[in-house]
Amino acid sequence: MSQSTTQVIYSVEAGVATLTFNRPDKLNALTPDMLAEFFEHVDQAAFDPAVRVIVITGAGRGFSAGLDLAVIGTGQSGNSQRQSHVPGPRQWGDDVGPNLKRFFSGGWNGLITSRKPTIAAVNGAAFGWGFILALHCDIRFASKSALFNATFARIGVPAEKGIGWLLPRLIGTARAADLLYTARRFDGVEAERLGLVNAVLDDAQLLPHVQTYAQAIAAHSAPRALAAMKAQIWTAMDDSYDDAFAAANLEQDLCVGTEDFREALSSYKDKRAPVFKGQ
């Protein structure tokens, strides 16, 4: 299934929803309409039982060059917010694992609160807001052509959209301060060394690798367990060890009563691949 629009392409295959920024002539610079559409598609994937993993990438030579500077000063660049268009709980969502809403709320955090694994395939420039969107994903892969830049100091604004919280937790305070204070560009090789990306691949191999990786998760990992793990990962950064341990024990007690757990045991005994339903 695929849906092409002016600024975002949404497709689903083998349990993986791929969201592609689609302004290649502008290095996928973000407009308010584009952001709103993107967040709607994140919600769409979060609610869709056919989707197990969400992948974010860009068309052409860029991931996203950040906010389109042409909209600055026009009154259009405000704080674009995601709007939920589907009622009820998200698929394998708010009732699974620790409560993400203790820490995360608002449109920009849909990638975190989706409760489905999110992967950024950074295929080129990831600047400013594009850089921040990549950091909101659980996992990041980069091409050898990828370039990163926290541009904010050079345009006279603070660390925007939660990056002052995210970046130190990913790479440490001193390294985060370096990238934020200097607003310098750095490539995928340095991003891997800093721990910002999981691996760097040849340009032509990036998206095939990410799709294969994501489809393997979709096929072999229990979606309810993934939802619980994602909540644990994002909330444990601000929990005590004892709180995280207690949350894990509680979720373990709940998981052993699920259909997916019984299917995992049955498939192991039968020496076959499991068929998980998220139940």
C-alpha atoms as a PDB file:
ATOM      1  CA  MET A   1       0.000   0.000   0.000  1.00  0.00           C
ATOM      2  CA  SER A   2       1.297   3.474  -0.799  1.00  0.00           C
ATOM      3  CA  GLN A   3       0.013   6.997  -0.628  1.00  0.00           C
ATOM      4  CA  SER A   4       1.833   9.822  -2.418  1.00  0.00           C
ATOM      5  CA  THR A   5       1.195  13.451  -1.601  1.00  0.00           C
ATOM      6  CA  THR A   6       2.958  16.685  -2.387  1.00  0.00           C
ATOM      7  CA  GLN A   7       5.353  16.590   0.527  1.00  0.00           C
ATOM      8  CA  VAL A   8       5.289  13.125   2.137  1.00  0.00           C
ATOM      9  CA  ILE A   9       5.133   9.581   0.754  1.00  0.00           C
ATOM     10  CA  TYR A  10       3.602   6.913   2.991  1.00  0.00           C
ATOM     11  CA  SER A  11       3.908   3.205   2.176  1.00  0.00           C
ATOM     12  CA  VAL A  12       3.496  -0.088   4.038  1.00  0.00           C
ATOM     13  CA  GLU A  13       5.196  -3.347   3.125  1.00  0.00           C
ATOM     14  CA  ALA A  14       5.877  -6.485   5.172  1.00  0.00           C
ATOM     15  CA  GLY A  15       4.838  -4.812   8.416  1.00  0.00           C
ATOM     16  CA  VAL A  16       6.999  -1.711   7.883  1.00  0.00           C
ATOM     17  CA  ALA A  17       5.559   1.773   7.329  1.00  0.00           C
ATOM     18  CA  THR A  18       8.006   4.004   5.447  1.00  0.00           C
ATOM     19  CA  LEU A  19       7.546   7.781   5.651  1.00  0.00           C
ATOM     20  CA  THR A  20       9.577   9.640   3.025  1.00  0.00           C
ATOM     21  CA  PHE A  21      10.022  13.412   3.071  1.00  0.00           C
ATOM     22  CA  ASN A  22       9.337  14.426  -0.517  1.00  0.00           C
ATOM     23  CA  ARG A  23      10.747  17.844  -1.398  1.00  0.00           C
ATOM     24  CA  PRO A  24      13.996  16.648  -2.979  1.00  0.00           C
ATOM     25  CA  ASP A  25      14.600  19.937  -4.809  1.00  0.00           C
ATOM     26  CA  LYS A  26      14.735  21.654  -1.377  1.00  0.00           C
ATOM     27  CA  LEU A  27      16.662  18.865   0.390  1.00  0.00           C
ATOM     28  CA  ASN A  28      13.319  18.073   2.046  1.00  0.00           C
ATOM     29  CA  ALA A  29      13.240  21.319   4.000  1.00  0.00           C
ATOM     30  CA  LEU A  30      10.202  21.277   6.269  1.00  0.00           C
ATOM     31  CA  THR A  31       7.139  23.463   5.904  1.00  0.00           C
ATOM     32  CA  PRO A  32       4.314  23.639   8.464  1.00  0.00           C
ATOM     33  CA  ASP A  33       1.998  21.697   6.129  1.00  0.00           C
ATOM     34  CA  MET A  34       4.687  19.088   5.571  1.00  0.00           C
ATOM     35  CA  LEU A  35       5.218  18.632   9.313  1.00  0.00           C
ATOM     36  CA  ALA A  36       1.476  18.339   9.941  1.00  0.00           C
ATOM     37  CA  GLU A  37       1.211  15.714   7.212  1.00  0.00           C
ATOM     38  CA  PHE A  38       4.208  13.845   8.576  1.00  0.00           C
ATOM     39  CA  PHE A  39       2.784  13.719  12.102  1.00  0.00           C
ATOM     40  CA  GLU A  40      -0.563  12.520  10.723  1.00  0.00           C
ATOM     41  CA  HIS A  41       1.234   9.642   9.003  1.00  0.00           C
ATOM     42  CA  VAL A  42       3.100   8.801  12.216  1.00  0.00           C
ATOM     43  CA  ASP A  43      -0.291   8.542  13.910  1.00  0.00           C
ATOM     44  CA  GLN A  44      -1.638   6.492  11.011  1.00  0.00           C
ATOM     45  CA  ALA A  45       1.180   3.996  11.432  1.00  0.00           C
ATOM     46  CA  ALA A  46       0.803   3.980  15.231  1.00  0.00           C
ATOM     47  CA  PHE A  47      -2.852   2.962  14.977  1.00  0.00           C
ATOM     48  CA  ASP A  48      -2.496   0.465  12.104  1.00  0.00           C
ATOM     49  CA  PRO A  49      -2.338  -3.194  13.242  1.00  0.00           C
ATOM     50  CA  ALA A  50      -0.603  -4.073   9.955  1.00  0.00           C
ATOM     51  CA  VAL A  51       2.340  -1.846  10.920  1.00  0.00           C
ATOM     52  CA  ARG A  52       4.971  -3.212  13.293  1.00  0.00           C
ATOM     53  CA  VAL A  53       7.894  -0.811  12.586  1.00  0.00           C
ATOM     54  CA  ILE A  54       8.134   2.795  11.332  1.00  0.00           C
ATOM     55  CA  VAL A  55      10.984   3.963   9.050  1.00  0.00           C
ATOM     56  CA  ILE A  56      11.733   7.625   8.283  1.00  0.00           C
ATOM     57  CA  THR A  57      13.840   8.738   5.315  1.00  0.00           C
ATOM     58  CA  GLY A  58      14.110  11.426   2.638  1.00  0.00           C
ATOM     59  CA  ALA A  59      13.776  11.528  -1.136  1.00  0.00           C
ATOM     60  CA  GLY A  60      16.777  12.506  -3.226  1.00  0.00           C
ATOM     61  CA  ARG A  61      20.020  13.720  -1.663  1.00  0.00           C
ATOM     62  CA  GLY A  62      18.682  14.840   1.701  1.00  0.00           C
ATOM     63  CA  PHE A  63      17.024  13.447   4.810  1.00  0.00           C
ATOM     64  CA  SER A  64      15.742  16.891   5.795  1.00  0.00           C
ATOM     65  CA  ALA A  65      17.582  20.206   5.739  1.00  0.00           C
ATOM     66  CA  GLY A  66      15.382  21.440   8.598  1.00  0.00           C
ATOM     67  CA  LEU A  67      12.831  24.206   8.654  1.00  0.00           C
ATOM     68  CA  ASP A  68      12.458  25.910   5.276  1.00  0.00           C
ATOM     69  CA  LEU A  69      13.988  29.329   5.975  1.00  0.00           C
ATOM     70  CA  ALA A  70      11.601  30.878   3.466  1.00  0.00           C
ATOM     71  CA  VAL A  71       8.776  30.564   6.019  1.00  0.00           C
ATOM     72  CA  ILE A  72      10.662  32.363   8.800  1.00  0.00           C
ATOM     73  CA  GLY A  73       9.079  35.754   9.396  1.00  0.00           C
ATOM     74  CA  THR A  74       5.925  34.839   7.506  1.00  0.00           C
ATOM     75  CA  GLY A  75       4.011  33.711  10.595  1.00  0.00           C
ATOM     76  CA  GLN A  76       3.879  30.137   9.253  1.00  0.00           C
ATOM     77  CA  SER A  77       6.795  28.586  11.083  1.00  0.00           C
ATOM     78  CA  GLY A  78       5.147  28.225  14.555  1.00  0.00           C
ATOM     79  CA  ASN A  79       5.069  25.101  16.664  1.00  0.00           C
ATOM     80  CA  SER A  80       3.384  22.642  14.329  1.00  0.00           C
ATOM     81  CA  GLN A  81       1.498  20.035  16.342  1.00  0.00           C
ATOM     82  CA  ARG A  82       0.401  16.562  15.440  1.00  0.00           C
ATOM     83  CA  GLN A  83      -3.342  16.006  15.428  1.00  0.00           C
ATOM     84  CA  SER A  84      -4.737  12.539  16.167  1.00  0.00           C
ATOM     85  CA  HIS A  85      -7.409  11.557  13.663  1.00  0.00           C
ATOM     86  CA  VAL A  86      -8.136   8.055  14.936  1.00  0.00           C
ATOM     87  CA  PRO A  87      -9.991   7.612  18.247  1.00  0.00           C
ATOM     88  CA  GLY A  88      -9.123   5.145  20.962  1.00  0.00           C
ATOM     89  CA  PRO A  89      -5.835   3.672  22.186  1.00  0.00           C
ATOM     90  CA  ARG A  90      -2.909   3.251  19.856  1.00  0.00           C
ATOM     91  CA  GLN A  91      -2.080  -0.218  18.602  1.00  0.00           C
ATOM     92  CA  TRP A  92      -0.203  -2.032  21.406  1.00  0.00           C
ATOM     93  CA  GLY A  93      -0.104   1.348  22.999  1.00  0.00           C
ATOM     94  CA  ASP A  94      -0.805   3.371  26.054  1.00  0.00           C
ATOM     95  CA  ASP A  95      -1.737   0.434  28.291  1.00  0.00           C
ATOM     96  CA  VAL A  96       1.502  -1.488  27.626  1.00  0.00           C
ATOM     97  CA  GLY A  97       4.599  -0.995  29.754  1.00  0.00           C
ATOM     98  CA  PRO A  98       5.550   2.149  31.696  1.00  0.00           C
ATOM     99  CA  ASN A  99       3.572   5.317  31.039  1.00  0.00           C
ATOM    100  CA  LEU A 100       5.440   7.336  28.411  1.00  0.00           C
ATOM    101  CA  LYS A 101       3.167  10.322  28.954  1.00  0.00           C
ATOM    102  CA  ARG A 102       4.917  10.979  32.256  1.00  0.00           C
ATOM    103  CA  PHE A 103       7.676  12.537  30.162  1.00  0.00           C
ATOM    104  CA  PHE A 104       6.499  12.935  26.565  1.00  0.00           C
ATOM    105  CA  SER A 105       3.547  14.839  25.139  1.00  0.00           C
ATOM    106  CA  GLY A 106       2.801  16.998  22.109  1.00  0.00           C
ATOM    107  CA  GLY A 107       3.105  16.590  18.370  1.00  0.00           C
ATOM    108  CA  TRP A 108       6.876  16.293  18.066  1.00  0.00           C
ATOM    109  CA  ASN A 109       6.957  13.260  20.326  1.00  0.00           C
ATOM    110  CA  GLY A 110       4.687  11.075  18.204  1.00  0.00           C
ATOM    111  CA  LEU A 111       7.744   9.100  17.120  1.00  0.00           C
ATOM    112  CA  ILE A 112       8.403   8.268  20.767  1.00  0.00           C
ATOM    113  CA  THR A 113       4.847   7.731  21.993  1.00  0.00           C
ATOM    114  CA  SER A 114       3.880   5.606  18.965  1.00  0.00           C
ATOM    115  CA  ARG A 115       5.000   2.520  20.951  1.00  0.00           C
ATOM    116  CA  LYS A 116       6.334   1.015  17.704  1.00  0.00           C
ATOM    117  CA  PRO A 117      10.044   0.870  16.893  1.00  0.00           C
ATOM    118  CA  THR A 118      11.123   3.869  14.827  1.00  0.00           C
ATOM    119  CA  ILE A 119      14.183   3.907  12.583  1.00  0.00           C
ATOM    120  CA  ALA A 120      15.736   6.885  10.781  1.00  0.00           C
ATOM    121  CA  ALA A 121      17.498   6.112   7.487  1.00  0.00           C
ATOM    122  CA  VAL A 122      19.575   9.281   7.162  1.00  0.00           C
ATOM    123  CA  ASN A 123      20.485   9.441   3.472  1.00  0.00           C
ATOM    124  CA  GLY A 124      21.892  12.983   3.270  1.00  0.00           C
ATOM    125  CA  ALA A 125      21.591  16.332   5.012  1.00  0.00           C
ATOM    126  CA  ALA A 126      19.952  16.145   8.450  1.00  0.00           C
ATOM    127  CA  PHE A 127      20.094  19.735   9.654  1.00  0.00           C
ATOM    128  CA  GLY A 128      18.180  21.647  12.333  1.00  0.00           C
ATOM    129  CA  TRP A 129      14.685  20.258  12.731  1.00  0.00           C
ATOM    130  CA  GLY A 130      15.594  17.356  10.416  1.00  0.00           C
ATOM    131  CA  PHE A 131      18.406  16.449  12.802  1.00  0.00           C
ATOM    132  CA  ILE A 132      15.981  16.619  15.724  1.00  0.00           C
ATOM    133  CA  LEU A 133      13.440  14.337  14.026  1.00  0.00           C
ATOM    134  CA  ALA A 134      16.179  11.758  13.474  1.00  0.00           C
ATOM    135  CA  LEU A 135      17.087  11.954  17.183  1.00  0.00           C
ATOM    136  CA  HIS A 136      13.469  11.247  18.143  1.00  0.00           C
ATOM    137  CA  CYS A 137      13.777   7.826  16.499  1.00  0.00           C
ATOM    138  CA  ASP A 138      14.865   4.764  18.474  1.00  0.00           C
ATOM    139  CA  ILE A 139      17.529   3.701  15.973  1.00  0.00           C
ATOM    140  CA  ARG A 140      19.481   5.559  13.282  1.00  0.00           C
ATOM    141  CA  PHE A 141      21.423   4.363  10.253  1.00  0.00           C
ATOM    142  CA  ALA A 142      23.325   6.771   7.993  1.00  0.00           C
ATOM    143  CA  SER A 143      24.726   6.718   4.478  1.00  0.00           C
ATOM    144  CA  LYS A 144      28.292   7.747   3.748  1.00  0.00           C
ATOM    145  CA  SER A 145      26.815  10.914   2.197  1.00  0.00           C
ATOM    146  CA  ALA A 146      24.967  11.852   5.384  1.00  0.00           C
ATOM    147  CA  LEU A 147      25.717  15.177   7.009  1.00  0.00           C
ATOM    148  CA  PHE A 148      24.443  16.325  10.402  1.00  0.00           C
ATOM    149  CA  ASN A 149      24.187  19.808  11.869  1.00  0.00           C
ATOM    150  CA  ALA A 150      22.557  21.288  14.969  1.00  0.00           C
ATOM    151  CA  THR A 151      22.264  24.700  13.302  1.00  0.00           C
ATOM    152  CA  PHE A 152      20.569  26.654  16.082  1.00  0.00           C
ATOM    153  CA  ALA A 153      23.406  28.737  17.564  1.00  0.00           C
ATOM    154  CA  ARG A 154      24.209  30.179  14.137  1.00  0.00           C
ATOM    155  CA  ILE A 155      20.670  31.441  13.579  1.00  0.00           C
ATOM    156  CA  GLY A 156      20.290  32.879  17.066  1.00  0.00           C
ATOM    157  CA  VAL A 157      17.892  30.377  18.628  1.00  0.00           C
ATOM    158  CA  PRO A 158      18.265  27.921  21.552  1.00  0.00           C
ATOM    159  CA  ALA A 159      18.393  24.129  21.358  1.00  0.00           C
ATOM    160  CA  GLU A 160      14.920  23.573  19.930  1.00  0.00           C
ATOM    161  CA  LYS A 161      12.261  20.863  20.142  1.00  0.00           C
ATOM    162  CA  GLY A 162      13.740  18.914  23.046  1.00  0.00           C
ATOM    163  CA  ILE A 163      17.215  18.442  21.550  1.00  0.00           C
ATOM    164  CA  GLY A 164      18.789  19.877  24.716  1.00  0.00           C
ATOM    165  CA  TRP A 165      17.237  16.903  26.549  1.00  0.00           C
ATOM    166  CA  LEU A 166      17.827  14.253  23.870  1.00  0.00           C
ATOM    167  CA  LEU A 167      21.365  14.930  22.732  1.00  0.00           C
ATOM    168  CA  PRO A 168      23.173  14.740  26.122  1.00  0.00           C
ATOM    169  CA  ARG A 169      21.380  11.482  26.892  1.00  0.00           C
ATOM    170  CA  LEU A 170      22.540   9.993  23.599  1.00  0.00           C
ATOM    171  CA  ILE A 171      26.186  11.105  23.546  1.00  0.00           C
ATOM    172  CA  GLY A 172      26.967  12.807  26.881  1.00  0.00           C
ATOM    173  CA  THR A 173      27.036  16.418  28.044  1.00  0.00           C
ATOM    174  CA  ALA A 174      30.434  17.490  26.687  1.00  0.00           C
ATOM    175  CA  ARG A 175      29.890  16.060  23.222  1.00  0.00           C
ATOM    176  CA  ALA A 176      26.374  17.484  23.071  1.00  0.00           C
ATOM    177  CA  ALA A 177      27.698  20.901  24.105  1.00  0.00           C
ATOM    178  CA  ASP A 178      30.312  20.732  21.335  1.00  0.00           C
ATOM    179  CA  LEU A 179      27.733  20.035  18.626  1.00  0.00           C
ATOM    180  CA  LEU A 180      25.258  22.622  19.948  1.00  0.00           C
ATOM    181  CA  TYR A 181      27.710  25.449  20.700  1.00  0.00           C
ATOM    182  CA  THR A 182      29.700  25.194  17.463  1.00  0.00           C
ATOM    183  CA  ALA A 183      26.776  24.284  15.178  1.00  0.00           C
ATOM    184  CA  ARG A 184      29.358  22.540  13.017  1.00  0.00           C
ATOM    185  CA  ARG A 185      28.626  19.988  10.331  1.00  0.00           C
ATOM    186  CA  PHE A 186      29.783  16.402  10.817  1.00  0.00           C
ATOM    187  CA  ASP A 187      29.503  13.296   8.702  1.00  0.00           C
ATOM    188  CA  GLY A 188      28.125   9.830   9.256  1.00  0.00           C
ATOM    189  CA  VAL A 189      31.489   8.389  10.263  1.00  0.00           C
ATOM    190  CA  GLU A 190      31.778  10.871  13.132  1.00  0.00           C
ATOM    191  CA  ALA A 191      28.115  10.346  13.997  1.00  0.00           C
ATOM    192  CA  GLU A 192      28.825   6.626  14.392  1.00  0.00           C
ATOM    193  CA  ARG A 193      31.896   7.356  16.533  1.00  0.00           C
ATOM    194  CA  LEU A 194      29.809   9.645  18.759  1.00  0.00           C
ATOM    195  CA  GLY A 195      27.112   6.980  19.119  1.00  0.00           C
ATOM    196  CA  LEU A 196      24.440   8.955  17.257  1.00  0.00           C
ATOM    197  CA  VAL A 197      23.982   6.328  14.547  1.00  0.00           C
ATOM    198  CA  ASN A 198      24.099   2.551  14.757  1.00  0.00           C
ATOM    199  CA  ALA A 199      26.000   2.059  11.495  1.00  0.00           C
ATOM    200  CA  VAL A 200      27.148   3.847   8.346  1.00  0.00           C
ATOM    201  CA  LEU A 201      26.484   2.218   4.982  1.00  0.00           C
ATOM    202  CA  ASP A 202      27.218   2.877   1.328  1.00  0.00           C
ATOM    203  CA  ASP A 203      24.592   5.160  -0.152  1.00  0.00           C
ATOM    204  CA  ALA A 204      23.034   2.465  -2.330  1.00  0.00           C
ATOM    205  CA  GLN A 205      22.890   0.006   0.572  1.00  0.00           C
ATOM    206  CA  LEU A 206      21.265   2.263   3.164  1.00  0.00           C
ATOM    207  CA  LEU A 207      17.554   1.869   2.469  1.00  0.00           C
ATOM    208  CA  PRO A 208      17.732  -1.833   1.498  1.00  0.00           C
ATOM    209  CA  HIS A 209      19.630  -2.513   4.728  1.00  0.00           C
ATOM    210  CA  VAL A 210      17.139  -0.557   6.824  1.00  0.00           C
ATOM    211  CA  GLN A 211      14.141  -2.221   5.179  1.00  0.00           C
ATOM    212  CA  THR A 212      15.616  -5.694   5.698  1.00  0.00           C
ATOM    213  CA  TYR A 213      16.439  -4.824   9.310  1.00  0.00           C
ATOM    214  CA  ALA A 214      12.969  -3.390   9.974  1.00  0.00           C
ATOM    215  CA  GLN A 215      11.171  -6.284   8.278  1.00  0.00           C
ATOM    216  CA  ALA A 216      13.117  -8.763  10.407  1.00  0.00           C
ATOM    217  CA  ILE A 217      11.884  -6.990  13.542  1.00  0.00           C
ATOM    218  CA  ALA A 218       8.339  -6.940  12.169  1.00  0.00           C
ATOM    219  CA  ALA A 219       8.439 -10.640  11.350  1.00  0.00           C
ATOM    220  CA  HIS A 220      10.211 -12.091  14.373  1.00  0.00           C
ATOM    221  CA  SER A 221       9.597  -9.821  17.390  1.00  0.00           C
ATOM    222  CA  ALA A 222       6.360  -9.825  19.381  1.00  0.00           C
ATOM    223  CA  PRO A 223       4.739  -6.387  18.907  1.00  0.00           C
ATOM    224  CA  ARG A 224       3.340  -6.172  22.426  1.00  0.00           C
ATOM    225  CA  ALA A 225       6.774  -6.925  23.838  1.00  0.00           C
ATOM    226  CA  LEU A 226       8.301  -4.282  21.559  1.00  0.00           C
ATOM    227  CA  ALA A 227       5.789  -1.712  22.821  1.00  0.00           C
ATOM    228  CA  ALA A 228       6.697  -2.491  26.423  1.00  0.00           C
ATOM    229  CA  MET A 229      10.436  -2.393  25.668  1.00  0.00           C
ATOM    230  CA  LYS A 230      10.137   0.957  23.924  1.00  0.00           C
ATOM    231  CA  ALA A 231       8.360   2.431  26.934  1.00  0.00           C
ATOM    232  CA  GLN A 232      10.995   0.963  29.235  1.00  0.00           C
ATOM    233  CA  ILE A 233      13.879   2.381  27.183  1.00  0.00           C
ATOM    234  CA  TRP A 234      12.509   5.920  27.013  1.00  0.00           C
ATOM    235  CA  THR A 235      11.278   6.176  30.616  1.00  0.00           C
ATOM    236  CA  ALA A 236      14.166   4.386  32.320  1.00  0.00           C
ATOM    237  CA  MET A 237      16.479   7.305  31.518  1.00  0.00           C
ATOM    238  CA  ASP A 238      14.708   9.233  34.264  1.00  0.00           C
ATOM    239  CA  ASP A 239      13.788   6.362  36.576  1.00  0.00           C
ATOM    240  CA  SER A 240      15.740   4.904  39.443  1.00  0.00           C
ATOM    241  CA  TYR A 241      17.087   1.381  38.992  1.00  0.00           C
ATOM    242  CA  ASP A 242      14.542   0.038  41.483  1.00  0.00           C
ATOM    243  CA  ASP A 243      11.648   1.701  39.629  1.00  0.00           C
ATOM    244  CA  ALA A 244      12.852   0.295  36.303  1.00  0.00           C
ATOM    245  CA  PHE A 245      13.282  -3.157  37.834  1.00  0.00           C
ATOM    246  CA  ALA A 246       9.781  -3.077  39.320  1.00  0.00           C
ATOM    247  CA  ALA A 247       8.276  -1.936  36.008  1.00  0.00           C
ATOM    248  CA  ALA A 248      10.035  -4.791  34.213  1.00  0.00           C
ATOM    249  CA  ASN A 249       8.748  -7.347  36.728  1.00  0.00           C
ATOM    250  CA  LEU A 250       5.186  -6.064  36.397  1.00  0.00           C
ATOM    251  CA  GLU A 251       5.286  -6.183  32.612  1.00  0.00           C
ATOM    252  CA  GLN A 252       6.834  -9.644  32.664  1.00  0.00           C
ATOM    253  CA  ASP A 253       3.955 -10.908  34.807  1.00  0.00           C
ATOM    254  CA  LEU A 254       1.494  -9.436  32.296  1.00  0.00           C
ATOM    255  CA  CYS A 255       3.314 -10.746  29.227  1.00  0.00           C
ATOM    256  CA  VAL A 256       3.351 -14.386  30.339  1.00  0.00           C
ATOM    257  CA  GLY A 257      -0.440 -14.352  30.106  1.00  0.00           C
ATOM    258  CA  THR A 258      -0.549 -13.126  26.512  1.00  0.00           C
ATOM    259  CA  GLU A 259      -1.282 -15.040  23.344  1.00  0.00           C
ATOM    260  CA  ASP A 260       2.047 -13.905  21.906  1.00  0.00           C
ATOM    261  CA  PHE A 261       3.954 -15.511  24.779  1.00  0.00           C
ATOM    262  CA  ARG A 262       2.085 -18.789  24.302  1.00  0.00           C
ATOM    263  CA  GLU A 263       2.789 -18.578  20.567  1.00  0.00           C
ATOM    264  CA  ALA A 264       6.493 -18.023  21.235  1.00  0.00           C
ATOM    265  CA  LEU A 265       6.666 -21.182  23.376  1.00  0.00           C
ATOM    266  CA  SER A 266       4.614 -23.182  20.910  1.00  0.00           C
ATOM    267  CA  SER A 267       6.676 -22.124  17.896  1.00  0.00           C
ATOM    268  CA  TYR A 268       9.898 -22.944  19.754  1.00  0.00           C
ATOM    269  CA  LYS A 269       8.670 -26.443  20.550  1.00  0.00           C
ATOM    270  CA  ASP A 270       7.422 -26.922  16.973  1.00  0.00           C
ATOM    271  CA  LYS A 271      10.668 -25.510  15.501  1.00  0.00           C
ATOM    272  CA  ARG A 272       8.803 -23.003  13.334  1.00  0.00           C
ATOM    273  CA  ALA A 273       8.667 -19.256  12.960  1.00  0.00           C
ATOM    274  CA  PRO A 274       6.236 -17.581  15.388  1.00  0.00           C
ATOM    275  CA  VAL A 275       3.120 -15.812  14.156  1.00  0.00           C
ATOM    276  CA  PHE A 276       2.607 -12.929  16.553  1.00  0.00           C
ATOM    277  CA  LYS A 277      -0.657 -10.974  16.720  1.00  0.00           C
ATOM    278  CA  GLY A 278       0.134  -8.425  19.403  1.00  0.00           C
ATOM    279  CA  GLN A 279      -2.297 -10.018  21.828  1.00  0.00           C
END
